[in-house]
Protein backbone atom coordinates (compact mmCIF):
# COMPACT_ATOMS: atom_id res chain seq x y z
CA MET A 1 -116.13 85.69 215.23
CA VAL A 2 -116.71 86.49 211.68
CA PHE A 3 -114.23 89.23 211.75
CA LEU A 4 -111.67 86.89 213.51
CA GLY A 5 -112.22 84.33 210.62
CA THR A 6 -111.53 86.65 207.93
CA PHE A 7 -108.88 88.17 209.51
CA ALA A 8 -107.01 85.24 210.40
CA GLN A 9 -106.88 84.13 206.75
CA THR A 10 -104.48 86.87 205.99
CA PRO A 11 -101.02 86.25 207.65
CA TYR A 12 -99.51 89.32 209.21
CA LYS A 13 -95.96 88.72 207.36
CA ASN A 14 -97.64 89.50 204.15
CA ILE A 15 -98.93 92.77 205.09
CA GLN A 16 -97.04 95.62 203.40
CA LEU A 17 -96.06 98.58 205.73
CA THR A 18 -92.52 99.40 203.87
CA SER A 19 -93.73 102.90 203.32
CA MET A 20 -93.39 103.50 207.25
CA PRO A 21 -90.00 104.58 208.84
CA LYS A 22 -88.22 101.60 210.59
CA PRO A 23 -89.03 102.44 214.12
CA ALA A 24 -92.68 103.10 213.39
CA LEU A 25 -92.88 100.00 211.10
CA PHE A 26 -91.18 97.79 213.97
CA ALA A 27 -93.99 99.17 216.51
CA ALA A 28 -96.73 98.68 214.03
CA LYS A 29 -95.61 95.08 213.57
CA GLN A 30 -95.37 94.42 217.13
CA THR A 31 -98.76 95.88 217.79
CA PHE A 32 -100.25 94.00 215.20
CA LYS A 33 -98.85 90.79 216.48
CA PHE A 34 -100.20 91.48 220.03
CA VAL A 35 -103.64 92.28 219.06
CA PHE A 36 -103.64 89.22 216.56
CA SER A 37 -102.57 87.00 219.33
CA PHE A 38 -104.86 88.35 221.90
CA LEU A 39 -107.88 87.66 219.51
CA LEU A 40 -106.69 84.10 218.91
CA ILE A 41 -106.77 83.63 222.53
CA GLN A 42 -110.08 84.97 222.99
CA PHE A 43 -111.37 82.85 220.17
CA PHE A 44 -110.01 79.66 221.63
CA THR A 45 -111.17 80.67 225.25
CA LEU A 46 -114.69 81.06 223.85
CA SER A 47 -114.58 78.01 221.79
CA LEU A 48 -113.47 75.98 225.05
CA VAL A 49 -116.14 77.59 227.13
CA PHE A 50 -119.17 76.99 224.80
CA GLY A 51 -117.75 73.49 223.81
CA GLN A 52 -117.75 72.73 227.43
CA ASN A 53 -121.14 73.71 228.01
CA LYS A 54 -122.57 72.25 224.54
CA GLY A 55 -125.72 69.94 224.90
CA ASN A 56 -126.30 71.34 228.61
CA THR A 57 -129.46 69.80 229.66
CA PHE A 58 -128.88 70.20 233.59
CA ARG A 59 -131.11 72.06 235.91
CA PHE A 60 -130.66 73.78 239.29
CA PRO A 61 -132.71 71.70 241.65
CA ALA A 62 -134.71 73.04 244.62
CA GLU A 63 -133.52 72.26 248.13
CA PHE A 64 -136.92 70.56 248.99
CA GLU A 65 -136.31 67.80 246.28
CA ARG A 66 -134.58 64.64 247.28
CA GLN A 67 -130.99 64.71 248.16
CA GLN A 68 -127.94 62.63 247.64
CA ALA A 69 -125.85 64.06 250.50
CA VAL A 70 -125.23 66.87 252.77
CA TRP A 71 -121.66 68.49 252.72
CA PHE A 72 -120.16 70.38 255.45
CA GLY A 73 -116.72 72.40 255.73
CA TRP A 74 -114.83 72.31 259.01
CA GLU A 75 -113.52 74.99 261.37
CA ASN A 76 -110.71 73.75 263.59
CA GLU A 77 -110.48 76.36 266.13
CA ASN A 78 -113.80 77.47 267.25
CA THR A 79 -115.40 74.85 269.64
CA ASP A 80 -118.70 76.62 269.80
CA ILE A 81 -119.14 76.16 265.96
CA GLN A 82 -117.80 72.77 266.16
CA LYS A 83 -120.68 72.11 268.62
CA THR A 84 -123.22 73.82 266.20
CA VAL A 85 -122.18 71.76 263.31
CA GLY A 86 -122.15 68.61 265.37
CA ASN A 87 -125.95 69.35 266.14
CA ILE A 88 -126.86 69.94 262.42
CA ILE A 89 -125.33 66.56 261.78
CA ASN A 90 -127.29 64.77 264.73
CA GLY A 91 -130.34 66.50 263.17
CA LEU A 92 -129.67 64.78 259.85
CA SER A 93 -128.96 61.54 261.25
CA GLY A 94 -130.77 58.59 259.40
CA LYS A 95 -132.09 61.07 256.86
CA VAL A 96 -129.11 61.70 254.29
CA PRO A 97 -125.41 60.72 253.87
CA ILE A 98 -122.97 63.32 255.42
CA LYS A 99 -119.90 64.22 253.69
CA ILE A 100 -117.26 66.48 255.09
CA ALA A 101 -114.52 68.51 253.43
CA THR A 102 -111.19 69.27 255.21
CA SER A 103 -108.17 71.15 253.48
CA THR A 104 -105.40 68.63 254.95
CA PRO A 105 -105.32 65.25 256.31
CA GLU A 106 -104.47 66.71 259.69
CA ILE A 107 -107.63 68.80 259.73
CA GLN A 108 -109.56 65.65 258.89
CA LYS A 109 -108.11 63.68 261.74
CA ALA A 110 -108.78 66.46 264.21
CA ALA A 111 -112.52 66.66 262.83
CA ARG A 112 -112.97 62.86 263.37
CA GLU A 113 -111.51 63.08 266.81
CA THR A 114 -113.96 65.95 267.67
CA LEU A 115 -116.98 64.57 266.34
CA ILE A 116 -116.30 61.01 268.07
CA LYS A 117 -116.04 62.94 271.31
CA MET A 118 -119.52 64.41 270.69
CA GLY A 119 -120.83 60.81 270.28
CA ILE A 120 -121.45 60.98 266.58
CA ASN A 121 -120.40 57.79 264.53
CA THR A 122 -117.96 58.71 261.80
CA ASN A 123 -117.88 55.58 260.28
CA LEU A 124 -121.30 56.91 258.57
CA ILE A 125 -119.39 60.15 257.39
CA GLN A 126 -117.47 60.47 254.15
CA PHE A 127 -114.42 62.44 254.72
CA HIS A 128 -112.80 64.23 251.72
CA ILE A 129 -109.62 66.12 251.25
CA VAL A 130 -110.70 69.45 249.40
CA PRO A 131 -108.24 71.96 249.00
CA GLY A 132 -109.70 75.74 249.46
CA GLU A 133 -112.71 74.33 251.29
CA ARG A 134 -114.12 76.74 254.04
CA LEU A 135 -116.56 76.57 256.94
CA TRP A 136 -119.08 78.46 254.92
CA ILE A 137 -119.04 75.66 252.27
CA ARG A 138 -122.32 76.67 250.44
CA ASP A 139 -120.78 79.94 249.19
CA ASN A 140 -117.47 78.69 247.65
CA GLY A 141 -118.32 75.00 247.13
CA ALA A 142 -120.14 73.41 244.12
CA THR A 143 -123.41 74.39 242.73
CA PHE A 144 -124.55 70.92 241.83
CA LEU A 145 -127.25 70.24 238.89
CA THR A 146 -129.01 67.25 237.68
CA ASN A 147 -130.56 66.26 234.43
CA ASN A 148 -133.38 63.86 233.28
CA GLU A 149 -130.82 61.22 232.50
CA GLY A 150 -129.86 60.88 236.16
CA GLN A 151 -126.62 62.62 235.76
CA GLN A 152 -124.88 65.23 237.90
CA ALA A 153 -122.90 68.32 237.09
CA VAL A 154 -121.15 71.10 238.74
CA VAL A 155 -121.27 74.90 238.18
CA ASP A 156 -117.72 76.36 238.81
CA PHE A 157 -118.56 80.02 239.49
CA GLU A 158 -115.76 82.71 240.15
CA TRP A 159 -114.87 83.48 243.72
CA SER A 160 -114.58 87.12 244.68
CA ASN A 161 -114.37 86.77 248.46
CA TYR A 162 -117.87 88.08 248.94
CA GLY A 163 -116.97 91.14 246.49
CA TYR A 164 -114.86 92.41 249.43
CA TYR A 165 -112.41 94.24 247.32
CA ASP A 166 -115.07 95.78 245.04
CA TRP A 167 -116.42 97.06 248.30
CA LEU A 168 -113.35 98.45 249.32
CA PHE A 169 -112.69 100.05 246.06
CA SER A 170 -116.06 101.80 246.26
CA ALA A 171 -115.64 102.90 249.85
CA ARG A 172 -111.81 103.90 249.48
CA PRO A 173 -111.03 104.93 245.92
CA GLN A 174 -107.78 106.34 246.68
CA TYR A 175 -106.27 102.84 247.07
CA ALA A 176 -108.13 101.57 243.88
CA ALA A 177 -104.80 99.97 242.32
CA LEU A 178 -103.99 97.76 245.50
CA TYR A 179 -107.64 96.74 245.78
CA MET A 180 -107.76 95.54 242.17
CA ALA A 181 -104.64 93.68 242.63
CA LEU A 182 -105.99 91.96 245.73
CA LYS A 183 -109.23 91.18 243.73
CA MET A 184 -107.47 89.57 240.94
CA ASN A 185 -105.46 87.43 243.43
CA SER A 186 -108.56 86.28 245.26
CA LEU A 187 -110.19 85.18 241.91
CA LYS A 188 -107.00 82.69 241.66
CA ASN A 189 -106.37 81.67 245.15
CA GLN A 190 -107.45 78.19 246.67
CA PHE A 191 -110.81 79.07 247.79
CA SER A 192 -111.80 79.47 244.13
CA ASP A 193 -111.03 75.75 243.45
CA ALA A 194 -113.04 73.98 246.04
CA ASP A 195 -116.11 73.70 243.61
CA LYS A 196 -113.68 72.21 240.99
CA GLU A 197 -112.32 69.90 243.50
CA MET A 198 -115.62 68.54 244.36
CA ALA A 199 -116.73 67.98 240.85
CA LYS A 200 -113.58 65.76 240.50
CA ILE A 201 -114.38 63.82 243.79
CA ASN A 202 -117.83 63.10 242.42
CA LYS A 203 -116.36 62.29 238.79
CA VAL A 204 -118.85 64.72 237.09
CA ARG A 205 -119.19 67.39 234.41
CA ARG A 206 -117.91 70.80 235.47
CA ILE A 207 -119.51 73.74 233.70
CA LYS A 208 -117.29 77.00 233.96
CA SER A 209 -118.76 80.38 234.65
CA ASP A 210 -116.98 83.82 234.72
CA LEU A 211 -119.81 85.09 237.09
CA ALA A 212 -118.86 85.65 240.52
CA MET A 213 -121.26 84.11 242.82
CA GLU A 214 -121.96 82.43 246.26
CA GLY A 215 -124.39 79.51 246.87
CA GLY A 216 -125.91 81.39 249.67
CA SER A 217 -127.42 83.77 247.34
CA LEU A 218 -128.88 81.32 244.78
CA GLU A 219 -132.47 80.40 245.58
CA THR A 220 -134.50 78.34 243.03
CA ASN A 221 -137.93 76.76 242.93
CA GLY A 222 -136.38 73.87 240.90
CA LYS A 223 -138.65 74.76 237.87
CA GLY A 224 -136.37 77.30 236.26
CA VAL A 225 -137.11 80.41 238.56
CA LEU A 226 -134.17 81.96 240.39
CA ILE A 227 -134.30 84.71 243.06
CA GLN A 228 -131.56 86.98 243.05
CA SER A 229 -130.60 89.86 245.58
CA GLU A 230 -129.33 92.87 243.61
CA GLN A 231 -127.38 94.04 246.71
CA VAL A 232 -125.21 90.92 246.25
CA THR A 233 -125.15 89.85 242.50
CA LEU A 234 -124.61 93.30 241.09
CA GLN A 235 -122.06 94.05 243.74
CA ARG A 236 -120.00 91.02 243.11
CA ASN A 237 -120.11 91.66 239.29
CA PRO A 238 -120.02 95.35 238.55
CA ASP A 239 -119.03 94.90 234.98
CA TRP A 240 -121.96 92.74 234.15
CA THR A 241 -125.67 93.90 233.24
CA LYS A 242 -128.83 92.20 234.58
CA GLU A 243 -129.45 90.94 231.04
CA GLU A 244 -125.92 89.55 230.94
CA ILE A 245 -126.31 87.80 234.13
CA GLU A 246 -129.71 86.51 233.32
CA GLU A 247 -128.25 84.90 230.17
CA GLU A 248 -125.39 83.33 232.01
CA TYR A 249 -127.71 81.60 234.44
CA ARG A 250 -129.62 80.35 231.48
CA ARG A 251 -126.36 79.00 229.80
CA VAL A 252 -125.11 77.31 232.68
CA MET A 253 -128.18 76.18 234.83
CA ASN A 254 -131.01 76.68 232.23
CA ILE A 255 -132.66 79.22 234.46
CA THR A 256 -135.60 80.70 232.57
CA LYS A 257 -136.72 83.46 234.99
CA VAL A 258 -134.81 85.56 237.47
CA ILE A 259 -136.64 87.67 240.20
CA TRP A 260 -134.63 90.43 241.25
CA LEU A 261 -135.12 91.56 244.79
CA LYS A 262 -133.51 94.87 245.96
CA ASN A 263 -131.95 94.43 249.53
CA GLY A 264 -131.56 91.96 252.36
CA THR A 265 -131.76 92.38 256.08
CA ALA A 266 -129.95 95.27 257.63
CA ASP A 267 -127.98 92.78 260.13
CA ASP A 268 -126.64 91.06 257.17
CA SER A 269 -124.58 93.92 256.02
CA ARG A 270 -121.23 93.99 254.81
CA SER A 271 -119.45 95.63 257.63
CA PHE A 272 -119.85 99.06 259.15
CA MET A 273 -123.31 100.60 258.71
CA PRO A 274 -123.10 104.27 258.28
CA ASN A 275 -125.54 106.50 260.36
CA ASN A 276 -126.52 103.63 262.59
CA GLY A 277 -123.21 102.95 264.46
CA TYR A 278 -123.66 99.06 264.26
CA VAL A 279 -121.10 96.73 262.90
CA SER A 280 -121.96 93.32 261.18
CA VAL A 281 -119.64 90.92 259.59
CA GLY A 282 -122.51 89.77 257.19
CA THR A 283 -122.46 88.79 253.43
CA GLY A 284 -124.05 91.94 252.16
CA GLY A 285 -127.62 90.64 251.37
CA HIS A 286 -127.53 86.84 250.82
CA THR A 287 -130.98 85.36 249.86
CA ASP A 288 -130.86 82.60 252.27
CA GLU A 289 -131.15 85.32 255.13
CA PHE A 290 -134.49 86.71 253.94
CA VAL A 291 -136.25 84.84 251.09
CA ARG A 292 -136.72 81.09 250.56
CA PHE A 293 -138.83 78.83 248.48
CA ALA A 294 -141.09 76.40 250.56
CA ASP A 295 -142.28 74.59 247.43
CA ALA A 296 -142.19 75.54 243.70
CA SER A 297 -145.08 78.13 244.00
CA THR A 298 -144.75 79.30 247.69
CA ILE A 299 -142.18 82.03 248.99
CA LEU A 300 -141.11 82.65 252.50
CA LEU A 301 -140.24 86.26 253.06
CA ALA A 302 -138.47 87.68 256.21
CA TRP A 303 -140.72 90.23 258.04
CA ILE A 304 -140.85 93.17 260.57
CA GLU A 305 -144.24 94.19 261.85
CA GLU A 306 -145.05 97.75 262.27
CA GLU A 307 -145.11 97.58 265.87
CA ASP A 308 -141.65 96.15 266.11
CA ILE A 309 -139.95 98.98 264.25
CA VAL A 310 -139.38 100.76 267.19
CA LYS A 311 -138.01 97.93 269.16
CA HIS A 312 -134.58 98.40 267.48
CA PRO A 313 -132.81 100.98 265.28
CA LEU A 314 -131.99 98.29 262.53
CA ASN A 315 -135.68 97.13 262.38
CA LYS A 316 -136.82 100.28 260.42
CA ILE A 317 -134.05 99.58 257.64
CA THR A 318 -135.29 96.01 257.25
CA TYR A 319 -138.92 96.82 257.54
CA GLN A 320 -138.41 99.28 254.51
CA ARG A 321 -136.45 96.68 252.46
CA MET A 322 -138.85 93.95 253.16
CA GLN A 323 -141.72 96.10 252.17
CA GLU A 324 -140.08 96.75 248.99
CA ASN A 325 -139.17 93.08 248.24
CA TYR A 326 -142.64 92.22 248.97
CA LYS A 327 -144.26 94.31 246.25
CA ILE A 328 -141.73 92.88 243.68
CA LEU A 329 -142.79 89.26 244.84
CA LYS A 330 -146.54 90.20 244.66
CA ASP A 331 -146.06 91.16 240.98
CA ALA A 332 -143.74 88.22 239.97
CA THR A 333 -144.95 85.03 238.51
CA ASP A 334 -143.57 81.66 238.27
CA GLN A 335 -142.31 79.64 235.13
CA ASP A 336 -146.05 79.30 234.00
CA GLY A 337 -146.96 82.81 234.70
CA LYS A 338 -148.75 81.97 237.83
CA PRO A 339 -148.59 84.32 241.15
CA PHE A 340 -146.69 82.88 244.05
CA LYS A 341 -148.02 82.43 247.41
CA ILE A 342 -146.24 84.70 249.81
CA ILE A 343 -145.58 83.89 253.55
CA LYS A 344 -144.24 86.66 255.91
CA VAL A 345 -142.16 85.10 258.63
CA PRO A 346 -141.29 87.25 261.48
CA LEU A 347 -137.35 87.91 262.29
CA PRO A 348 -136.13 87.12 265.56
CA SER A 349 -135.00 89.83 267.87
CA ALA A 350 -132.00 91.76 267.18
CA ILE A 351 -128.73 90.53 268.97
CA GLU A 352 -126.05 92.97 269.88
CA TRP A 353 -123.10 93.17 272.07
CA THR A 354 -120.05 95.54 272.65
CA ALA A 355 -116.66 94.79 271.25
CA THR A 356 -113.32 96.47 271.01
CA VAL A 357 -111.34 97.43 267.72
CA ALA A 358 -108.25 95.23 267.63
CA GLU A 359 -105.26 94.99 265.22
CA LYS A 360 -105.75 91.09 264.94
CA THR A 361 -108.50 88.64 265.90
CA ASN A 362 -109.39 85.07 265.91
CA SER A 363 -112.48 83.28 265.16
CA MET A 364 -113.18 82.97 268.86
CA ASP A 365 -112.79 86.51 269.50
CA PHE A 366 -116.59 87.79 269.63
CA ASP A 367 -115.82 90.68 271.75
CA LYS A 368 -113.40 91.92 269.22
CA MET A 369 -113.38 93.55 265.60
CA GLU A 370 -110.44 93.57 263.67
CA ALA A 371 -109.49 97.21 262.50
CA SER A 372 -108.95 96.36 258.81
CA ARG A 373 -112.64 95.28 258.52
CA LEU A 374 -113.93 98.90 259.37
CA PRO A 375 -113.80 102.12 257.56
CA LEU A 376 -110.61 104.16 258.15
CA GLU A 377 -112.14 106.59 260.34
CA ALA A 378 -113.56 103.84 262.58
CA GLN A 379 -110.33 101.92 263.05
CA THR A 380 -108.85 103.43 266.12
CA ILE A 381 -107.37 100.44 268.22
CA GLY A 382 -109.28 99.91 271.64
CA LYS A 383 -112.29 101.77 270.57
CA THR A 384 -115.50 100.43 271.51
CA ILE A 385 -118.15 99.30 268.96
CA THR A 386 -121.44 97.66 268.91
CA ARG A 387 -121.55 94.37 266.99
CA VAL A 388 -124.67 92.74 265.84
CA ALA A 389 -125.34 89.12 264.58
CA SER A 390 -126.92 88.04 261.53
CA VAL A 391 -130.19 86.29 262.66
CA SER A 392 -133.08 84.83 260.76
CA TYR A 393 -135.49 81.91 260.98
CA LEU A 394 -134.99 81.54 257.03
CA ASN A 395 -131.45 80.49 257.16
CA PHE A 396 -132.47 76.90 257.36
CA LEU A 397 -131.48 73.62 255.83
CA ILE A 398 -134.07 71.21 254.23
CA SER A 399 -133.07 67.54 253.60
CA ASN A 400 -134.81 64.22 252.99
CA GLY A 401 -137.92 64.70 255.50
CA VAL A 402 -136.28 67.03 258.18
CA ILE A 403 -135.68 70.86 258.50
CA ILE A 404 -133.15 72.27 260.63
CA ASN A 405 -133.65 75.66 261.99
CA ALA A 406 -132.50 78.28 264.55
CA SER A 407 -134.04 78.93 267.94
CA TYR A 408 -133.67 82.38 269.44
CA THR A 409 -136.03 82.32 272.59
CA ASN A 410 -132.71 82.03 274.79
CA HIS A 411 -131.37 85.00 273.14
CA GLY A 412 -134.01 87.57 273.62
CA THR A 413 -136.74 86.60 271.01
CA PRO A 414 -140.12 86.37 272.69
CA THR A 415 -141.62 82.82 273.23
CA GLU A 416 -145.01 84.10 271.46
CA ARG A 417 -143.14 85.25 268.46
CA GLU A 418 -141.06 81.95 267.84
CA ALA A 419 -144.27 79.87 268.55
CA LYS A 420 -146.02 81.67 265.72
CA VAL A 421 -142.95 81.04 263.35
CA LYS A 422 -142.91 77.26 264.37
CA ALA A 423 -146.58 77.07 263.31
CA ILE A 424 -145.92 78.83 260.15
CA PHE A 425 -143.03 76.11 259.42
CA ARG A 426 -145.42 73.43 260.30
CA ASP A 427 -148.06 74.54 257.98
CA ALA A 428 -145.50 75.43 255.04
CA PHE A 429 -143.60 71.96 255.56
CA PRO A 430 -146.36 69.62 256.91
CA ASN A 431 -144.49 66.48 256.02
CA LEU A 432 -140.99 67.62 257.47
CA GLU A 433 -139.67 66.70 260.89
CA GLN A 434 -138.76 69.90 262.68
CA VAL A 435 -135.35 70.36 264.40
CA TRP A 436 -134.48 73.52 266.20
CA ILE A 437 -130.97 74.26 267.45
CA ASP A 438 -128.90 77.13 268.84
CA ALA A 439 -127.14 78.57 265.96
CA LEU A 440 -125.83 81.82 267.55
CA PRO A 441 -122.03 80.88 267.35
CA LEU A 442 -122.75 80.83 263.47
CA ASN A 443 -124.84 84.18 263.50
CA ARG A 444 -122.11 85.94 265.36
CA GLN A 445 -119.65 85.33 262.39
CA GLY A 446 -122.43 86.55 259.78
CA GLY A 447 -123.68 83.04 258.77
CA GLY A 448 -126.18 80.37 259.74
CA ILE A 449 -127.21 76.85 259.40
CA HIS A 450 -127.79 77.20 255.63
CA CYS A 451 -124.32 78.65 255.21
CA VAL A 452 -122.30 75.83 256.73
CA THR A 453 -124.33 73.16 254.65
CA LEU A 454 -124.57 72.26 251.02
CA GLN A 455 -127.17 69.82 249.76
CA GLU A 456 -126.05 67.67 246.89
CA PRO A 457 -129.19 66.73 244.84
CA TRP A 458 -130.05 63.12 244.49
CA TYR A 459 -129.06 61.54 240.94
CA GLU A 460 -129.60 58.13 239.62
CA ALA A 461 -126.12 57.47 237.97
CA VAL A 462 -124.10 57.87 241.24
CA ASP A 463 -121.19 55.85 239.52
CA LYS A 464 -121.21 57.39 236.17
CA ALA A 465 -119.07 60.22 235.14
CA VAL A 466 -120.16 62.69 232.78
CA PRO A 467 -117.68 63.43 230.03
């Protein structure tokens, strides 16, 4: 900034370059003008960003704190997913206001009609038109903050389509130019605007960040501690260092400590899993699949027991990853330097099924896999593959006295194991009503209950806009 300020005081038209040949002189002046203009743009951009976040007193509340509302997106084609969303809404009934975002008035009308057929009173639901909304609203929707003045703000993170193009780039570098162009387009598409639109609806302050992040991989204790998955955060932001990422979280959310875990569960992998032959359509390691805060000092960690390693080929991978994560968490401390209580939560049994490779698919085609989502060598149309669902007892939602979680006893998980899990949750959340539903339609798509919901923390000045 000091350089720019000094440099800006010398108008480029006064600089003497007459000793140079005319073509070279012209080129030098043009280059100088370009560099000068670029630096000015950078200066004003930085001024805008820092000015926008000046006096930021907001914090990132924990999910177990009081909530103002729970947001949903809407899937207009998959009836099984619609039923699952309806069951979540029923579980939240009487606990928290519901807001549903749809991208168009037509989809909003269809959502109302579908929910009414399910027996849900839509008069109690707030519907909003949000261009760029997705079923998985947690990931590209608003990251809500609050402060001690009873105000609300929204962090506007970049949207990278789950780092898909960076992943493609690393897997197929020969198409680097194409993937980088697609990545730049994804940063500017409508899905990147959903959080911005939600800030407008609530009439609250928007804090812009250049960090690419999804809400499903932001896990906080509400006291300034944030858990991150290296597998996700570093992959989405290949040009950022850990130190730069931590500083950005401090700037936009006043995070004081980041705990870096390595990897998520094996069945939440990006897509094709080399050397195992299983195909997942997961996120690549979101925290809400394997590590969650039960309270400010208690952490739930997904777990595979030693005797279960041999029960499925993916169990060994997840076992090794969670062992490593456990060691990190055991050495970690909270905002006050105190160790965490760590509770190991058994995972459900793996759920797999066969599918065929197809050129195009839709959201109902669980028995098919779109060829473009696979490595080039596996894209043979008609080839049979084995798909696996992203299953976990940690993709739950907490809201105002209730916890909504997934049950898997109808899909191969032993009743004894799930009974143990339910006992763990009763002990970890003694004051919460427990609601268990079938979430397999979401799991087959690589998500879960937490992914399709987004809590809006409670704040006092509901009708007050923050400048």
